[in-house]
Amino acid sequence: MKNSKKHEYCQICRRLLDNPRDPLSGDCGGDCWGCIGAIEAEMGNAQSLAYVRKEYEAGLRPGWIDPSTP
């Protein structure tokens, strides 16, 4: 039986999910895009890396380090 309860907060960082004032709060199956995007970018997912780079440049991810830089 699958747990169908929708989470209100990210299971990784506890960020409120689907907050219209927070562009990184999108619900990715119980975790926020802020966490999942960074994880996928670090794992080499090209599409996620492109989005995360744009978010960093827009000031949404201060302190983020691009995994492709030495």
PDB file of N, CA and C in Angstrom:
ATOM      1  N   MET A   1       0.842  -1.180   0.000  1.00  0.00           N
ATOM      2  CA  MET A   1       0.000   0.000   0.000  1.00  0.00           C
ATOM      3  C   MET A   1       0.885   1.239   0.000  1.00  0.00           C
ATOM      4  N   LYS A   2       0.569   2.165  -0.861  1.00  0.00           N
ATOM      5  CA  LYS A   2       1.354   3.376  -1.003  1.00  0.00           C
ATOM      6  C   LYS A   2       0.819   4.470  -0.084  1.00  0.00           C
ATOM      7  N   ASN A   3       1.733   5.206   0.544  1.00  0.00           N
ATOM      8  CA  ASN A   3       1.347   6.331   1.394  1.00  0.00           C
ATOM      9  C   ASN A   3       0.944   7.497   0.502  1.00  0.00           C
ATOM     10  N   SER A   4      -0.321   7.870   0.527  1.00  0.00           N
ATOM     11  CA  SER A   4      -0.817   8.923  -0.352  1.00  0.00           C
ATOM     12  C   SER A   4      -0.901  10.275   0.344  1.00  0.00           C
ATOM     13  N   LYS A   5      -0.399  10.361   1.569  1.00  0.00           N
ATOM     14  CA  LYS A   5      -0.440  11.627   2.302  1.00  0.00           C
ATOM     15  C   LYS A   5       0.533  12.624   1.668  1.00  0.00           C
ATOM     16  N   LYS A   6       0.021  13.774   1.301  1.00  0.00           N
ATOM     17  CA  LYS A   6       0.862  14.810   0.708  1.00  0.00           C
ATOM     18  C   LYS A   6       1.619  15.524   1.820  1.00  0.00           C
ATOM     19  N   HIS A   7       2.905  15.669   1.609  1.00  0.00           N
ATOM     20  CA  HIS A   7       3.740  16.350   2.594  1.00  0.00           C
ATOM     21  C   HIS A   7       3.579  17.860   2.471  1.00  0.00           C
ATOM     22  N   GLU A   8       3.618  18.531   3.602  1.00  0.00           N
ATOM     23  CA  GLU A   8       3.523  19.986   3.634  1.00  0.00           C
ATOM     24  C   GLU A   8       4.907  20.629   3.579  1.00  0.00           C
ATOM     25  N   TYR A   9       5.909  19.894   4.087  1.00  0.00           N
ATOM     26  CA  TYR A   9       7.270  20.407   4.145  1.00  0.00           C
ATOM     27  C   TYR A   9       8.225  19.428   3.474  1.00  0.00           C
ATOM     28  N   CYS A  10       9.312  19.965   2.922  1.00  0.00           N
ATOM     29  CA  CYS A  10      10.354  19.147   2.306  1.00  0.00           C
ATOM     30  C   CYS A  10      10.893  18.161   3.338  1.00  0.00           C
ATOM     31  N   GLN A  11      11.028  16.911   2.926  1.00  0.00           N
ATOM     32  CA  GLN A  11      11.519  15.877   3.826  1.00  0.00           C
ATOM     33  C   GLN A  11      13.033  15.971   4.041  1.00  0.00           C
ATOM     34  N   ILE A  12      13.721  16.807   3.248  1.00  0.00           N
ATOM     35  CA  ILE A  12      15.166  16.980   3.396  1.00  0.00           C
ATOM     36  C   ILE A  12      15.481  18.212   4.238  1.00  0.00           C
ATOM     37  N   CYS A  13      14.930  19.373   3.848  1.00  0.00           N
ATOM     38  CA  CYS A  13      15.324  20.634   4.504  1.00  0.00           C
ATOM     39  C   CYS A  13      14.201  21.296   5.305  1.00  0.00           C
ATOM     40  N   ARG A  14      13.000  20.747   5.243  1.00  0.00           N
ATOM     41  CA  ARG A  14      11.831  21.251   5.977  1.00  0.00           C
ATOM     42  C   ARG A  14      11.258  22.553   5.394  1.00  0.00           C
ATOM     43  N   ARG A  15      11.598  22.908   4.165  1.00  0.00           N
ATOM     44  CA  ARG A  15      11.029  24.078   3.492  1.00  0.00           C
ATOM     45  C   ARG A  15       9.556  23.827   3.206  1.00  0.00           C
ATOM     46  N   LEU A  16       8.734  24.829   3.383  1.00  0.00           N
ATOM     47  CA  LEU A  16       7.322  24.731   3.043  1.00  0.00           C
ATOM     48  C   LEU A  16       7.196  24.472   1.548  1.00  0.00           C
ATOM     49  N   LEU A  17       6.454  23.444   1.175  1.00  0.00           N
ATOM     50  CA  LEU A  17       6.312  23.079  -0.235  1.00  0.00           C
ATOM     51  C   LEU A  17       5.227  23.907  -0.920  1.00  0.00           C
ATOM     52  N   ASP A  18       5.447  24.166  -2.207  1.00  0.00           N
ATOM     53  CA  ASP A  18       4.495  24.871  -3.073  1.00  0.00           C
ATOM     54  C   ASP A  18       4.125  26.251  -2.539  1.00  0.00           C
ATOM     55  N   ASN A  19       5.099  26.939  -1.973  1.00  0.00           N
ATOM     56  CA  ASN A  19       4.897  28.301  -1.499  1.00  0.00           C
ATOM     57  C   ASN A  19       4.990  29.239  -2.704  1.00  0.00           C
ATOM     58  N   PRO A  20       3.928  29.959  -3.046  1.00  0.00           N
ATOM     59  CA  PRO A  20       3.957  30.819  -4.236  1.00  0.00           C
ATOM     60  C   PRO A  20       5.009  31.922  -4.171  1.00  0.00           C
ATOM     61  N   ARG A  21       5.486  32.244  -2.976  1.00  0.00           N
ATOM     62  CA  ARG A  21       6.517  33.287  -2.838  1.00  0.00           C
ATOM     63  C   ARG A  21       7.933  32.713  -2.871  1.00  0.00           C
ATOM     64  N   ASP A  22       8.068  31.406  -3.018  1.00  0.00           N
ATOM     65  CA  ASP A  22       9.377  30.751  -3.008  1.00  0.00           C
ATOM     66  C   ASP A  22       9.530  29.874  -4.247  1.00  0.00           C
ATOM     67  N   PRO A  23      10.279  30.346  -5.247  1.00  0.00           N
ATOM     68  CA  PRO A  23      10.404  29.581  -6.489  1.00  0.00           C
ATOM     69  C   PRO A  23      11.125  28.237  -6.343  1.00  0.00           C
ATOM     70  N   LEU A  24      11.810  28.008  -5.244  1.00  0.00           N
ATOM     71  CA  LEU A  24      12.498  26.733  -5.047  1.00  0.00           C
ATOM     72  C   LEU A  24      11.679  25.735  -4.237  1.00  0.00           C
ATOM     73  N   SER A  25      10.426  26.092  -3.947  1.00  0.00           N
ATOM     74  CA  SER A  25       9.606  25.255  -3.076  1.00  0.00           C
ATOM     75  C   SER A  25       8.727  24.246  -3.816  1.00  0.00           C
ATOM     76  N   GLY A  26       8.879  24.138  -5.119  1.00  0.00           N
ATOM     77  CA  GLY A  26       8.070  23.195  -5.881  1.00  0.00           C
ATOM     78  C   GLY A  26       8.174  21.782  -5.332  1.00  0.00           C
ATOM     79  N   ASP A  27       7.056  21.101  -5.240  1.00  0.00           N
ATOM     80  CA  ASP A  27       6.986  19.764  -4.652  1.00  0.00           C
ATOM     81  C   ASP A  27       7.471  18.720  -5.658  1.00  0.00           C
ATOM     82  N   CYS A  28       8.566  18.079  -5.325  1.00  0.00           N
ATOM     83  CA  CYS A  28       9.128  17.007  -6.147  1.00  0.00           C
ATOM     84  C   CYS A  28       8.949  15.677  -5.415  1.00  0.00           C
ATOM     85  N   GLY A  29       7.713  15.311  -5.175  1.00  0.00           N
ATOM     86  CA  GLY A  29       7.412  14.052  -4.504  1.00  0.00           C
ATOM     87  C   GLY A  29       7.720  14.055  -3.020  1.00  0.00           C
ATOM     88  N   GLY A  30       7.523  15.193  -2.367  1.00  0.00           N
ATOM     89  CA  GLY A  30       7.761  15.284  -0.925  1.00  0.00           C
ATOM     90  C   GLY A  30       9.039  16.012  -0.570  1.00  0.00           C
ATOM     91  N   ASP A  31       9.839  16.314  -1.562  1.00  0.00           N
ATOM     92  CA  ASP A  31      11.051  17.110  -1.374  1.00  0.00           C
ATOM     93  C   ASP A  31      10.934  18.345  -2.250  1.00  0.00           C
ATOM     94  N   CYS A  32      11.611  19.424  -1.859  1.00  0.00           N
ATOM     95  CA  CYS A  32      11.487  20.669  -2.627  1.00  0.00           C
ATOM     96  C   CYS A  32      12.455  20.678  -3.810  1.00  0.00           C
ATOM     97  N   TRP A  33      12.139  21.508  -4.797  1.00  0.00           N
ATOM     98  CA  TRP A  33      13.009  21.658  -5.949  1.00  0.00           C
ATOM     99  C   TRP A  33      14.364  22.220  -5.520  1.00  0.00           C
ATOM    100  N   GLY A  34      14.408  23.020  -4.468  1.00  0.00           N
ATOM    101  CA  GLY A  34      15.678  23.541  -3.975  1.00  0.00           C
ATOM    102  C   GLY A  34      16.653  22.422  -3.661  1.00  0.00           C
ATOM    103  N   CYS A  35      16.188  21.390  -3.018  1.00  0.00           N
ATOM    104  CA  CYS A  35      17.032  20.236  -2.682  1.00  0.00           C
ATOM    105  C   CYS A  35      17.243  19.321  -3.888  1.00  0.00           C
ATOM    106  N   ILE A  36      16.159  18.959  -4.533  1.00  0.00           N
ATOM    107  CA  ILE A  36      16.247  17.998  -5.638  1.00  0.00           C
ATOM    108  C   ILE A  36      17.054  18.563  -6.803  1.00  0.00           C
ATOM    109  N   GLY A  37      16.851  19.837  -7.125  1.00  0.00           N
ATOM    110  CA  GLY A  37      17.608  20.454  -8.215  1.00  0.00           C
ATOM    111  C   GLY A  37      19.100  20.409  -7.953  1.00  0.00           C
ATOM    112  N   ALA A  38      19.506  20.747  -6.736  1.00  0.00           N
ATOM    113  CA  ALA A  38      20.929  20.724  -6.383  1.00  0.00           C
ATOM    114  C   ALA A  38      21.490  19.305  -6.443  1.00  0.00           C
ATOM    115  N   ILE A  39      20.733  18.332  -5.955  1.00  0.00           N
ATOM    116  CA  ILE A  39      21.175  16.933  -5.979  1.00  0.00           C
ATOM    117  C   ILE A  39      21.326  16.447  -7.422  1.00  0.00           C
ATOM    118  N   GLU A  40      20.313  16.707  -8.246  1.00  0.00           N
ATOM    119  CA  GLU A  40      20.374  16.258  -9.641  1.00  0.00           C
ATOM    120  C   GLU A  40      21.495  16.954 -10.399  1.00  0.00           C
ATOM    121  N   ALA A  41      21.701  18.240 -10.136  1.00  0.00           N
ATOM    122  CA  ALA A  41      22.782  18.980 -10.803  1.00  0.00           C
ATOM    123  C   ALA A  41      24.136  18.376 -10.429  1.00  0.00           C
ATOM    124  N   GLU A  42      24.309  18.067  -9.147  1.00  0.00           N
ATOM    125  CA  GLU A  42      25.562  17.475  -8.690  1.00  0.00           C
ATOM    126  C   GLU A  42      25.791  16.092  -9.292  1.00  0.00           C
ATOM    127  N   MET A  43      24.689  15.378  -9.576  1.00  0.00           N
ATOM    128  CA  MET A  43      24.797  14.048 -10.177  1.00  0.00           C
ATOM    129  C   MET A  43      25.032  14.107 -11.689  1.00  0.00           C
ATOM    130  N   GLY A  44      24.988  15.321 -12.264  1.00  0.00           N
ATOM    131  CA  GLY A  44      25.287  15.468 -13.680  1.00  0.00           C
ATOM    132  C   GLY A  44      24.083  15.559 -14.595  1.00  0.00           C
ATOM    133  N   ASN A  45      22.881  15.703 -14.059  1.00  0.00           N
ATOM    134  CA  ASN A  45      21.704  15.852 -14.904  1.00  0.00           C
ATOM    135  C   ASN A  45      21.787  17.209 -15.600  1.00  0.00           C
ATOM    136  N   ALA A  46      21.959  17.207 -16.908  1.00  0.00           N
ATOM    137  CA  ALA A  46      22.207  18.435 -17.668  1.00  0.00           C
ATOM    138  C   ALA A  46      21.056  19.436 -17.562  1.00  0.00           C
ATOM    139  N   GLN A  47      19.822  18.959 -17.623  1.00  0.00           N
ATOM    140  CA  GLN A  47      18.678  19.860 -17.556  1.00  0.00           C
ATOM    141  C   GLN A  47      18.580  20.517 -16.177  1.00  0.00           C
ATOM    142  N   SER A  48      18.748  19.753 -15.140  1.00  0.00           N
ATOM    143  CA  SER A  48      18.705  20.303 -13.783  1.00  0.00           C
ATOM    144  C   SER A  48      19.860  21.274 -13.564  1.00  0.00           C
ATOM    145  N   LEU A  49      21.034  20.930 -14.046  1.00  0.00           N
ATOM    146  CA  LEU A  49      22.198  21.799 -13.900  1.00  0.00           C
ATOM    147  C   LEU A  49      21.954  23.144 -14.580  1.00  0.00           C
ATOM    148  N   ALA A  50      21.337  23.128 -15.756  1.00  0.00           N
ATOM    149  CA  ALA A  50      21.038  24.376 -16.455  1.00  0.00           C
ATOM    150  C   ALA A  50      20.063  25.237 -15.656  1.00  0.00           C
ATOM    151  N   TYR A  51      19.025  24.629 -15.100  1.00  0.00           N
ATOM    152  CA  TYR A  51      18.052  25.377 -14.277  1.00  0.00           C
ATOM    153  C   TYR A  51      18.715  25.943 -13.024  1.00  0.00           C
ATOM    154  N   VAL A  52      19.514  25.118 -12.352  1.00  0.00           N
ATOM    155  CA  VAL A  52      20.152  25.547 -11.114  1.00  0.00           C
ATOM    156  C   VAL A  52      21.140  26.684 -11.391  1.00  0.00           C
ATOM    157  N   ARG A  53      21.857  26.622 -12.488  1.00  0.00           N
ATOM    158  CA  ARG A  53      22.763  27.724 -12.851  1.00  0.00           C
ATOM    159  C   ARG A  53      21.991  29.021 -13.030  1.00  0.00           C
ATOM    160  N   LYS A  54      20.851  28.956 -13.716  1.00  0.00           N
ATOM    161  CA  LYS A  54      20.027  30.155 -13.901  1.00  0.00           C
ATOM    162  C   LYS A  54      19.514  30.681 -12.561  1.00  0.00           C
ATOM    163  N   GLU A  55      19.114  29.783 -11.686  1.00  0.00           N
ATOM    164  CA  GLU A  55      18.632  30.194 -10.363  1.00  0.00           C
ATOM    165  C   GLU A  55      19.755  30.830  -9.548  1.00  0.00           C
ATOM    166  N   TYR A  56      20.964  30.288  -9.668  1.00  0.00           N
ATOM    167  CA  TYR A  56      22.116  30.863  -8.980  1.00  0.00           C
ATOM    168  C   TYR A  56      22.387  32.280  -9.498  1.00  0.00           C
ATOM    169  N   GLU A  57      22.395  32.435 -10.811  1.00  0.00           N
ATOM    170  CA  GLU A  57      22.640  33.741 -11.419  1.00  0.00           C
ATOM    171  C   GLU A  57      21.564  34.754 -11.041  1.00  0.00           C
ATOM    172  N   ALA A  58      20.353  34.287 -10.793  1.00  0.00           N
ATOM    173  CA  ALA A  58      19.247  35.166 -10.394  1.00  0.00           C
ATOM    174  C   ALA A  58      19.265  35.461  -8.891  1.00  0.00           C
ATOM    175  N   GLY A  59      20.214  34.873  -8.161  1.00  0.00           N
ATOM    176  CA  GLY A  59      20.327  35.118  -6.731  1.00  0.00           C
ATOM    177  C   GLY A  59      19.485  34.207  -5.861  1.00  0.00           C
ATOM    178  N   LEU A  60      18.909  33.159  -6.449  1.00  0.00           N
ATOM    179  CA  LEU A  60      18.053  32.254  -5.679  1.00  0.00           C
ATOM    180  C   LEU A  60      18.827  31.181  -4.920  1.00  0.00           C
ATOM    181  N   ARG A  61      20.092  30.988  -5.283  1.00  0.00           N
ATOM    182  CA  ARG A  61      20.896  29.931  -4.649  1.00  0.00           C
ATOM    183  C   ARG A  61      22.246  30.493  -4.202  1.00  0.00           C
ATOM    184  N   PRO A  62      22.233  31.396  -3.232  1.00  0.00           N
ATOM    185  CA  PRO A  62      23.513  31.956  -2.780  1.00  0.00           C
ATOM    186  C   PRO A  62      24.400  30.868  -2.176  1.00  0.00           C
ATOM    187  N   GLY A  63      25.662  30.932  -2.500  1.00  0.00           N
ATOM    188  CA  GLY A  63      26.599  29.956  -1.950  1.00  0.00           C
ATOM    189  C   GLY A  63      26.684  28.646  -2.707  1.00  0.00           C
ATOM    190  N   TRP A  64      25.835  28.470  -3.713  1.00  0.00           N
ATOM    191  CA  TRP A  64      25.872  27.228  -4.490  1.00  0.00           C
ATOM    192  C   TRP A  64      27.173  27.172  -5.264  1.00  0.00           C
ATOM    193  N   ILE A  65      27.784  26.012  -5.335  1.00  0.00           N
ATOM    194  CA  ILE A  65      29.026  25.827  -6.080  1.00  0.00           C
ATOM    195  C   ILE A  65      28.743  24.899  -7.254  1.00  0.00           C
ATOM    196  N   ASP A  66      29.025  25.381  -8.440  1.00  0.00           N
ATOM    197  CA  ASP A  66      28.814  24.603  -9.666  1.00  0.00           C
ATOM    198  C   ASP A  66      29.712  23.362  -9.616  1.00  0.00           C
ATOM    199  N   PRO A  67      29.120  22.173  -9.722  1.00  0.00           N
ATOM    200  CA  PRO A  67      29.919  20.943  -9.609  1.00  0.00           C
ATOM    201  C   PRO A  67      30.894  20.749 -10.769  1.00  0.00           C
ATOM    202  N   SER A  68      30.722  21.490 -11.851  1.00  0.00           N
ATOM    203  CA  SER A  68      31.624  21.319 -12.994  1.00  0.00           C
ATOM    204  C   SER A  68      32.836  22.242 -12.933  1.00  0.00           C
ATOM    205  N   THR A  69      32.924  23.094 -11.897  1.00  0.00           N
ATOM    206  CA  THR A  69      34.086  23.963 -11.748  1.00  0.00           C
ATOM    207  C   THR A  69      35.097  23.286 -10.837  1.00  0.00           C
ATOM    208  N   PRO A  70      36.392  23.409 -11.209  1.00  0.00           N
ATOM    209  CA  PRO A  70      37.425  22.741 -10.397  1.00  0.00           C
ATOM    210  C   PRO A  70      37.587  23.373  -9.025  1.00  0.00           C
TER     211      PRO A  70
END
